[in-house]
Amino acid sequence: KGYYYLLRAASAIVRERKDVYFVLVGDGPEMN
């Protein structure tokens, strides 16, 4: 599902926009 890359993108986004929030729904082997 590529969520590691989404987290890296989120890191760049919140540096520019503090008003953006990410909601990830689901579970699986990489959750922790």
PDB file of all heavy atoms in Angstrom:
ATOM      1  N   LYS A   1       0.801  -1.231   0.000  1.00  0.00           N
ATOM      2  CA  LYS A   1       0.000   0.000   0.000  1.00  0.00           C
ATOM      3  C   LYS A   1       0.834   1.282   0.000  1.00  0.00           C
ATOM      4  O   LYS A   1       0.281   2.375  -0.144  1.00  0.00           O
ATOM      5  CB  LYS A   1      -0.961  -0.008   1.189  1.00  0.00           C
ATOM      6  CG  LYS A   1      -1.955  -1.152   1.170  1.00  0.00           C
ATOM      7  CD  LYS A   1      -2.845  -1.113  -0.077  1.00  0.00           C
ATOM      8  CE  LYS A   1      -3.871  -2.241  -0.071  1.00  0.00           C
ATOM      9  NZ  LYS A   1      -4.743  -2.195  -1.259  1.00  0.00           N
ATOM     10  N   GLY A   2       2.141   1.183   0.193  1.00  0.00           N
ATOM     11  CA  GLY A   2       3.001   2.342   0.037  1.00  0.00           C
ATOM     12  C   GLY A   2       2.853   3.422   1.089  1.00  0.00           C
ATOM     13  O   GLY A   2       3.176   4.595   0.824  1.00  0.00           O
ATOM     14  N   TYR A   3       2.446   3.061   2.301  1.00  0.00           N
ATOM     15  CA  TYR A   3       2.200   4.091   3.314  1.00  0.00           C
ATOM     16  C   TYR A   3       3.490   4.731   3.840  1.00  0.00           C
ATOM     17  O   TYR A   3       3.471   5.869   4.315  1.00  0.00           O
ATOM     18  CB  TYR A   3       1.375   3.512   4.467  1.00  0.00           C
ATOM     19  CG  TYR A   3      -0.084   3.399   4.111  1.00  0.00           C
ATOM     20  CD1 TYR A   3      -0.748   2.175   4.203  1.00  0.00           C
ATOM     21  CD2 TYR A   3      -0.787   4.501   3.674  1.00  0.00           C
ATOM     22  CE1 TYR A   3      -2.082   2.060   3.855  1.00  0.00           C
ATOM     23  CE2 TYR A   3      -2.126   4.396   3.324  1.00  0.00           C
ATOM     24  CZ  TYR A   3      -2.772   3.179   3.412  1.00  0.00           C
ATOM     25  OH  TYR A   3      -4.092   3.077   3.068  1.00  0.00           O
ATOM     26  N   TYR A   4       4.595   4.028   3.736  1.00  0.00           N
ATOM     27  CA  TYR A   4       5.860   4.629   4.145  1.00  0.00           C
ATOM     28  C   TYR A   4       6.141   5.871   3.294  1.00  0.00           C
ATOM     29  O   TYR A   4       6.609   6.895   3.806  1.00  0.00           O
ATOM     30  CB  TYR A   4       6.999   3.619   4.000  1.00  0.00           C
ATOM     31  CG  TYR A   4       8.373   4.215   4.226  1.00  0.00           C
ATOM     32  CD1 TYR A   4       8.789   4.594   5.497  1.00  0.00           C
ATOM     33  CD2 TYR A   4       9.243   4.425   3.156  1.00  0.00           C
ATOM     34  CE1 TYR A   4      10.047   5.154   5.707  1.00  0.00           C
ATOM     35  CE2 TYR A   4      10.498   4.982   3.350  1.00  0.00           C
ATOM     36  CZ  TYR A   4      10.894   5.346   4.628  1.00  0.00           C
ATOM     37  OH  TYR A   4      12.121   5.905   4.822  1.00  0.00           O
ATOM     38  N   TYR A   5       5.830   5.799   2.004  1.00  0.00           N
ATOM     39  CA  TYR A   5       6.054   6.940   1.111  1.00  0.00           C
ATOM     40  C   TYR A   5       5.068   8.064   1.401  1.00  0.00           C
ATOM     41  O   TYR A   5       5.397   9.244   1.263  1.00  0.00           O
ATOM     42  CB  TYR A   5       5.957   6.485  -0.349  1.00  0.00           C
ATOM     43  CG  TYR A   5       6.957   5.402  -0.663  1.00  0.00           C
ATOM     44  CD1 TYR A   5       6.574   4.059  -0.654  1.00  0.00           C
ATOM     45  CD2 TYR A   5       8.290   5.710  -0.924  1.00  0.00           C
ATOM     46  CE1 TYR A   5       7.494   3.056  -0.912  1.00  0.00           C
ATOM     47  CE2 TYR A   5       9.225   4.710  -1.186  1.00  0.00           C
ATOM     48  CZ  TYR A   5       8.813   3.388  -1.175  1.00  0.00           C
ATOM     49  OH  TYR A   5       9.735   2.402  -1.413  1.00  0.00           O
ATOM     50  N   LEU A   6       3.856   7.703   1.827  1.00  0.00           N
ATOM     51  CA  LEU A   6       2.891   8.734   2.213  1.00  0.00           C
ATOM     52  C   LEU A   6       3.360   9.479   3.459  1.00  0.00           C
ATOM     53  O   LEU A   6       3.208  10.704   3.552  1.00  0.00           O
ATOM     54  CB  LEU A   6       1.510   8.113   2.456  1.00  0.00           C
ATOM     55  CG  LEU A   6       0.403   9.092   2.882  1.00  0.00           C
ATOM     56  CD1 LEU A   6       0.234  10.219   1.866  1.00  0.00           C
ATOM     57  CD2 LEU A   6      -0.919   8.357   3.095  1.00  0.00           C
ATOM     58  N   LEU A   7       3.958   8.764   4.406  1.00  0.00           N
ATOM     59  CA  LEU A   7       4.477   9.431   5.599  1.00  0.00           C
ATOM     60  C   LEU A   7       5.597  10.402   5.234  1.00  0.00           C
ATOM     61  O   LEU A   7       5.676  11.515   5.780  1.00  0.00           O
ATOM     62  CB  LEU A   7       4.982   8.401   6.612  1.00  0.00           C
ATOM     63  CG  LEU A   7       3.928   7.557   7.330  1.00  0.00           C
ATOM     64  CD1 LEU A   7       4.597   6.608   8.317  1.00  0.00           C
ATOM     65  CD2 LEU A   7       2.906   8.433   8.047  1.00  0.00           C
ATOM     66  N   ARG A   8       6.446  10.014   4.326  1.00  0.00           N
ATOM     67  CA  ARG A   8       7.509  10.919   3.890  1.00  0.00           C
ATOM     68  C   ARG A   8       6.924  12.150   3.202  1.00  0.00           C
ATOM     69  O   ARG A   8       7.409  13.273   3.391  1.00  0.00           O
ATOM     70  CB  ARG A   8       8.475  10.183   2.954  1.00  0.00           C
ATOM     71  CG  ARG A   8       9.329   9.136   3.675  1.00  0.00           C
ATOM     72  CD  ARG A   8      10.179   8.343   2.722  1.00  0.00           C
ATOM     73  NE  ARG A   8      11.126   9.192   1.982  1.00  0.00           N
ATOM     74  CZ  ARG A   8      11.897   8.739   0.991  1.00  0.00           C
ATOM     75  NH1 ARG A   8      11.836   7.456   0.641  1.00  0.00           N
ATOM     76  NH2 ARG A   8      12.722   9.555   0.366  1.00  0.00           N
ATOM     77  N   ALA A   9       5.881  11.941   2.415  1.00  0.00           N
ATOM     78  CA  ALA A   9       5.201  13.078   1.781  1.00  0.00           C
ATOM     79  C   ALA A   9       4.546  13.960   2.834  1.00  0.00           C
ATOM     80  O   ALA A   9       4.596  15.199   2.749  1.00  0.00           O
ATOM     81  CB  ALA A   9       4.157  12.570   0.784  1.00  0.00           C
ATOM     82  N   ALA A  10       3.930  13.335   3.849  1.00  0.00           N
ATOM     83  CA  ALA A  10       3.275  14.090   4.915  1.00  0.00           C
ATOM     84  C   ALA A  10       4.267  14.969   5.657  1.00  0.00           C
ATOM     85  O   ALA A  10       3.958  16.107   6.036  1.00  0.00           O
ATOM     86  CB  ALA A  10       2.580  13.126   5.878  1.00  0.00           C
ATOM     87  N   SER A  11       5.465  14.449   5.861  1.00  0.00           N
ATOM     88  CA  SER A  11       6.487  15.214   6.556  1.00  0.00           C
ATOM     89  C   SER A  11       6.806  16.509   5.816  1.00  0.00           C
ATOM     90  O   SER A  11       6.946  17.583   6.423  1.00  0.00           O
ATOM     91  CB  SER A  11       7.758  14.361   6.705  1.00  0.00           C
ATOM     92  OG  SER A  11       8.771  15.072   7.388  1.00  0.00           O
ATOM     93  N   ALA A  12       6.891  16.411   4.478  1.00  0.00           N
ATOM     94  CA  ALA A  12       7.160  17.605   3.677  1.00  0.00           C
ATOM     95  C   ALA A  12       5.958  18.552   3.678  1.00  0.00           C
ATOM     96  O   ALA A  12       6.122  19.777   3.723  1.00  0.00           O
ATOM     97  CB  ALA A  12       7.508  17.199   2.243  1.00  0.00           C
ATOM     98  N   ILE A  13       4.765  17.983   3.659  1.00  0.00           N
ATOM     99  CA  ILE A  13       3.548  18.804   3.581  1.00  0.00           C
ATOM    100  C   ILE A  13       3.349  19.631   4.837  1.00  0.00           C
ATOM    101  O   ILE A  13       3.064  20.837   4.782  1.00  0.00           O
ATOM    102  CB  ILE A  13       2.327  17.895   3.310  1.00  0.00           C
ATOM    103  CG1 ILE A  13       2.386  17.360   1.881  1.00  0.00           C
ATOM    104  CG2 ILE A  13       1.015  18.664   3.543  1.00  0.00           C
ATOM    105  CD1 ILE A  13       1.421  16.238   1.600  1.00  0.00           C
ATOM    106  N   VAL A  14       3.502  19.014   6.007  1.00  0.00           N
ATOM    107  CA  VAL A  14       3.213  19.743   7.250  1.00  0.00           C
ATOM    108  C   VAL A  14       4.272  20.795   7.549  1.00  0.00           C
ATOM    109  O   VAL A  14       4.036  21.698   8.368  1.00  0.00           O
ATOM    110  CB  VAL A  14       3.048  18.777   8.445  1.00  0.00           C
ATOM    111  CG1 VAL A  14       1.896  17.821   8.214  1.00  0.00           C
ATOM    112  CG2 VAL A  14       4.337  18.006   8.720  1.00  0.00           C
ATOM    113  N   ARG A  15       5.407  20.696   6.900  1.00  0.00           N
ATOM    114  CA  ARG A  15       6.390  21.784   7.048  1.00  0.00           C
ATOM    115  C   ARG A  15       5.883  23.063   6.385  1.00  0.00           C
ATOM    116  O   ARG A  15       6.216  24.167   6.814  1.00  0.00           O
ATOM    117  CB  ARG A  15       7.736  21.364   6.442  1.00  0.00           C
ATOM    118  CG  ARG A  15       8.538  20.409   7.311  1.00  0.00           C
ATOM    119  CD  ARG A  15       9.998  20.364   6.901  1.00  0.00           C
ATOM    120  NE  ARG A  15      10.187  19.817   5.564  1.00  0.00           N
ATOM    121  CZ  ARG A  15      10.406  18.530   5.313  1.00  0.00           C
ATOM    122  NH1 ARG A  15      10.453  17.653   6.314  1.00  0.00           N
ATOM    123  NH2 ARG A  15      10.584  18.103   4.072  1.00  0.00           N
ATOM    124  N   GLU A  16       5.045  22.883   5.344  1.00  0.00           N
ATOM    125  CA  GLU A  16       4.482  24.039   4.645  1.00  0.00           C
ATOM    126  C   GLU A  16       3.094  24.405   5.146  1.00  0.00           C
ATOM    127  O   GLU A  16       2.743  25.594   5.171  1.00  0.00           O
ATOM    128  CB  GLU A  16       4.416  23.762   3.140  1.00  0.00           C
ATOM    129  CG  GLU A  16       5.758  23.652   2.452  1.00  0.00           C
ATOM    130  CD  GLU A  16       5.625  23.631   0.938  1.00  0.00           C
ATOM    131  OE1 GLU A  16       4.671  24.257   0.421  1.00  0.00           O
ATOM    132  OE2 GLU A  16       6.456  22.983   0.281  1.00  0.00           O
ATOM    133  N   ARG A  17       2.316  23.396   5.498  1.00  0.00           N
ATOM    134  CA  ARG A  17       0.924  23.625   5.895  1.00  0.00           C
ATOM    135  C   ARG A  17       0.626  22.904   7.213  1.00  0.00           C
ATOM    136  O   ARG A  17       0.429  21.690   7.237  1.00  0.00           O
ATOM    137  CB  ARG A  17      -0.032  23.133   4.800  1.00  0.00           C
ATOM    138  CG  ARG A  17       0.059  23.897   3.493  1.00  0.00           C
ATOM    139  CD  ARG A  17      -0.544  25.289   3.602  1.00  0.00           C
ATOM    140  NE  ARG A  17      -1.941  25.263   3.983  1.00  0.00           N
ATOM    141  CZ  ARG A  17      -2.953  25.548   3.156  1.00  0.00           C
ATOM    142  NH1 ARG A  17      -2.709  25.871   1.892  1.00  0.00           N
ATOM    143  NH2 ARG A  17      -4.200  25.546   3.593  1.00  0.00           N
ATOM    144  N   LYS A  18       0.576  23.694   8.281  1.00  0.00           N
ATOM    145  CA  LYS A  18       0.288  23.116   9.593  1.00  0.00           C
ATOM    146  C   LYS A  18      -1.188  22.756   9.754  1.00  0.00           C
ATOM    147  O   LYS A  18      -1.569  22.137  10.751  1.00  0.00           O
ATOM    148  CB  LYS A  18       0.688  24.100  10.698  1.00  0.00           C
ATOM    149  CG  LYS A  18       2.172  24.478  10.706  1.00  0.00           C
ATOM    150  CD  LYS A  18       3.049  23.269  10.960  1.00  0.00           C
ATOM    151  CE  LYS A  18       4.521  23.682  11.069  1.00  0.00           C
ATOM    152  NZ  LYS A  18       5.417  22.516  11.206  1.00  0.00           N
ATOM    153  N   ASP A  19      -2.017  23.135   8.777  1.00  0.00           N
ATOM    154  CA  ASP A  19      -3.451  22.881   8.878  1.00  0.00           C
ATOM    155  C   ASP A  19      -3.871  21.605   8.148  1.00  0.00           C
ATOM    156  O   ASP A  19      -5.055  21.369   7.936  1.00  0.00           O
ATOM    157  CB  ASP A  19      -4.245  24.068   8.317  1.00  0.00           C
ATOM    158  CG  ASP A  19      -3.914  24.353   6.854  1.00  0.00           C
ATOM    159  OD1 ASP A  19      -2.845  23.925   6.391  1.00  0.00           O
ATOM    160  OD2 ASP A  19      -4.735  25.014   6.188  1.00  0.00           O
ATOM    161  N   VAL A  20      -2.909  20.756   7.755  1.00  0.00           N
ATOM    162  CA  VAL A  20      -3.220  19.508   7.061  1.00  0.00           C
ATOM    163  C   VAL A  20      -3.009  18.329   8.009  1.00  0.00           C
ATOM    164  O   VAL A  20      -1.973  18.223   8.674  1.00  0.00           O
ATOM    165  CB  VAL A  20      -2.341  19.337   5.802  1.00  0.00           C
ATOM    166  CG1 VAL A  20      -2.635  17.997   5.122  1.00  0.00           C
ATOM    167  CG2 VAL A  20      -2.583  20.485   4.827  1.00  0.00           C
ATOM    168  N   TYR A  21      -4.004  17.441   8.049  1.00  0.00           N
ATOM    169  CA  TYR A  21      -3.964  16.272   8.930  1.00  0.00           C
ATOM    170  C   TYR A  21      -4.208  15.010   8.096  1.00  0.00           C
ATOM    171  O   TYR A  21      -5.007  15.016   7.154  1.00  0.00           O
ATOM    172  CB  TYR A  21      -5.025  16.391  10.029  1.00  0.00           C
ATOM    173  CG  TYR A  21      -4.780  17.563  10.944  1.00  0.00           C
ATOM    174  CD1 TYR A  21      -5.188  18.850  10.583  1.00  0.00           C
ATOM    175  CD2 TYR A  21      -4.116  17.398  12.158  1.00  0.00           C
ATOM    176  CE1 TYR A  21      -4.945  19.939  11.413  1.00  0.00           C
ATOM    177  CE2 TYR A  21      -3.870  18.494  12.996  1.00  0.00           C
ATOM    178  CZ  TYR A  21      -4.287  19.751  12.612  1.00  0.00           C
ATOM    179  OH  TYR A  21      -4.033  20.825  13.435  1.00  0.00           O
ATOM    180  N   PHE A  22      -3.543  13.939   8.476  1.00  0.00           N
ATOM    181  CA  PHE A  22      -3.635  12.674   7.744  1.00  0.00           C
ATOM    182  C   PHE A  22      -4.331  11.632   8.608  1.00  0.00           C
ATOM    183  O   PHE A  22      -3.950  11.417   9.766  1.00  0.00           O
ATOM    184  CB  PHE A  22      -2.240  12.190   7.342  1.00  0.00           C
ATOM    185  CG  PHE A  22      -1.561  13.099   6.357  1.00  0.00           C
ATOM    186  CD1 PHE A  22      -0.913  14.257   6.786  1.00  0.00           C
ATOM    187  CD2 PHE A  22      -1.588  12.819   5.008  1.00  0.00           C
ATOM    188  CE1 PHE A  22      -0.302  15.108   5.877  1.00  0.00           C
ATOM    189  CE2 PHE A  22      -0.978  13.661   4.085  1.00  0.00           C
ATOM    190  CZ  PHE A  22      -0.340  14.817   4.525  1.00  0.00           C
ATOM    191  N   VAL A  23      -5.350  10.981   8.025  1.00  0.00           N
ATOM    192  CA  VAL A  23      -6.097   9.938   8.728  1.00  0.00           C
ATOM    193  C   VAL A  23      -5.929   8.641   7.947  1.00  0.00           C
ATOM    194  O   VAL A  23      -6.348   8.542   6.781  1.00  0.00           O
ATOM    195  CB  VAL A  23      -7.589  10.305   8.844  1.00  0.00           C
ATOM    196  CG1 VAL A  23      -8.373   9.143   9.469  1.00  0.00           C
ATOM    197  CG2 VAL A  23      -7.769  11.569   9.680  1.00  0.00           C
ATOM    198  N   LEU A  24      -5.281   7.655   8.580  1.00  0.00           N
ATOM    199  CA  LEU A  24      -5.019   6.368   7.942  1.00  0.00           C
ATOM    200  C   LEU A  24      -5.861   5.294   8.618  1.00  0.00           C
ATOM    201  O   LEU A  24      -5.749   5.081   9.831  1.00  0.00           O
ATOM    202  CB  LEU A  24      -3.537   6.018   8.036  1.00  0.00           C
ATOM    203  CG  LEU A  24      -2.550   7.084   7.534  1.00  0.00           C
ATOM    204  CD1 LEU A  24      -1.123   6.550   7.595  1.00  0.00           C
ATOM    205  CD2 LEU A  24      -2.897   7.525   6.129  1.00  0.00           C
ATOM    206  N   VAL A  25      -6.691   4.625   7.826  1.00  0.00           N
ATOM    207  CA  VAL A  25      -7.617   3.624   8.353  1.00  0.00           C
ATOM    208  C   VAL A  25      -7.206   2.248   7.849  1.00  0.00           C
ATOM    209  O   VAL A  25      -7.078   2.034   6.641  1.00  0.00           O
ATOM    210  CB  VAL A  25      -9.066   3.927   7.925  1.00  0.00           C
ATOM    211  CG1 VAL A  25     -10.034   2.948   8.595  1.00  0.00           C
ATOM    212  CG2 VAL A  25      -9.440   5.368   8.269  1.00  0.00           C
ATOM    213  N   GLY A  26      -6.995   1.318   8.756  1.00  0.00           N
ATOM    214  CA  GLY A  26      -6.626  -0.033   8.378  1.00  0.00           C
ATOM    215  C   GLY A  26      -5.638  -0.626   9.367  1.00  0.00           C
ATOM    216  O   GLY A  26      -5.107   0.075  10.232  1.00  0.00           O
ATOM    217  N   ASP A  27      -5.400  -1.912   9.226  1.00  0.00           N
ATOM    218  CA  ASP A  27      -4.464  -2.612  10.091  1.00  0.00           C
ATOM    219  C   ASP A  27      -3.648  -3.563   9.229  1.00  0.00           C
ATOM    220  O   ASP A  27      -3.963  -3.777   8.059  1.00  0.00           O
ATOM    221  CB  ASP A  27      -5.220  -3.388  11.175  1.00  0.00           C
ATOM    222  CG  ASP A  27      -4.350  -3.703  12.386  1.00  0.00           C
ATOM    223  OD1 ASP A  27      -3.124  -3.484  12.294  1.00  0.00           O
ATOM    224  OD2 ASP A  27      -4.885  -4.171  13.402  1.00  0.00           O
ATOM    225  N   GLY A  28      -2.611  -4.128   9.787  1.00  0.00           N
ATOM    226  CA  GLY A  28      -1.795  -5.049   9.011  1.00  0.00           C
ATOM    227  C   GLY A  28      -0.419  -5.219   9.613  1.00  0.00           C
ATOM    228  O   GLY A  28      -0.100  -4.642  10.663  1.00  0.00           O
ATOM    229  N   PRO A  29       0.435  -5.988   8.942  1.00  0.00           N
ATOM    230  CA  PRO A  29       1.735  -6.362   9.519  1.00  0.00           C
ATOM    231  C   PRO A  29       2.686  -5.187   9.733  1.00  0.00           C
ATOM    232  O   PRO A  29       3.617  -5.304  10.538  1.00  0.00           O
ATOM    233  CB  PRO A  29       2.302  -7.359   8.502  1.00  0.00           C
ATOM    234  CG  PRO A  29       1.580  -7.068   7.229  1.00  0.00           C
ATOM    235  CD  PRO A  29       0.214  -6.634   7.637  1.00  0.00           C
ATOM    236  N   GLU A  30       2.495  -4.062   9.044  1.00  0.00           N
ATOM    237  CA  GLU A  30       3.405  -2.926   9.183  1.00  0.00           C
ATOM    238  C   GLU A  30       2.845  -1.815  10.061  1.00  0.00           C
ATOM    239  O   GLU A  30       3.418  -0.732  10.122  1.00  0.00           O
ATOM    240  CB  GLU A  30       3.774  -2.370   7.800  1.00  0.00           C
ATOM    241  CG  GLU A  30       4.598  -3.314   6.956  1.00  0.00           C
ATOM    242  CD  GLU A  30       5.190  -2.663   5.720  1.00  0.00           C
ATOM    243  OE1 GLU A  30       4.892  -1.477   5.472  1.00  0.00           O
ATOM    244  OE2 GLU A  30       5.958  -3.337   5.014  1.00  0.00           O
ATOM    245  N   MET A  31       1.740  -2.083  10.748  1.00  0.00           N
ATOM    246  CA  MET A  31       1.081  -1.052  11.549  1.00  0.00           C
ATOM    247  C   MET A  31       2.036  -0.443  12.587  1.00  0.00           C
ATOM    248  O   MET A  31       2.218   0.782  12.641  1.00  0.00           O
ATOM    249  CB  MET A  31      -0.140  -1.652  12.252  1.00  0.00           C
ATOM    250  CG  MET A  31      -0.912  -0.664  13.108  1.00  0.00           C
ATOM    251  SD  MET A  31      -1.771   0.573  12.113  1.00  0.00           S
ATOM    252  CE  MET A  31      -3.072   1.058  13.248  1.00  0.00           C
ATOM    253  N   ASN A  32       2.647  -1.274  13.410  1.00  0.00           N
ATOM    254  CA  ASN A  32       3.524  -0.755  14.464  1.00  0.00           C
ATOM    255  C   ASN A  32       4.721  -0.016  13.882  1.00  0.00           C
ATOM    256  O   ASN A  32       5.118   1.042  14.380  1.00  0.00           O
ATOM    257  CB  ASN A  32       3.993  -1.895  15.371  1.00  0.00           C
ATOM    258  CG  ASN A  32       2.867  -2.488  16.203  1.00  0.00           C
ATOM    259  OD1 ASN A  32       1.856  -1.823  16.452  1.00  0.00           O
ATOM    260  ND2 ASN A  32       3.027  -3.723  16.624  1.00  0.00           N
TER     261      ASN A  32
END
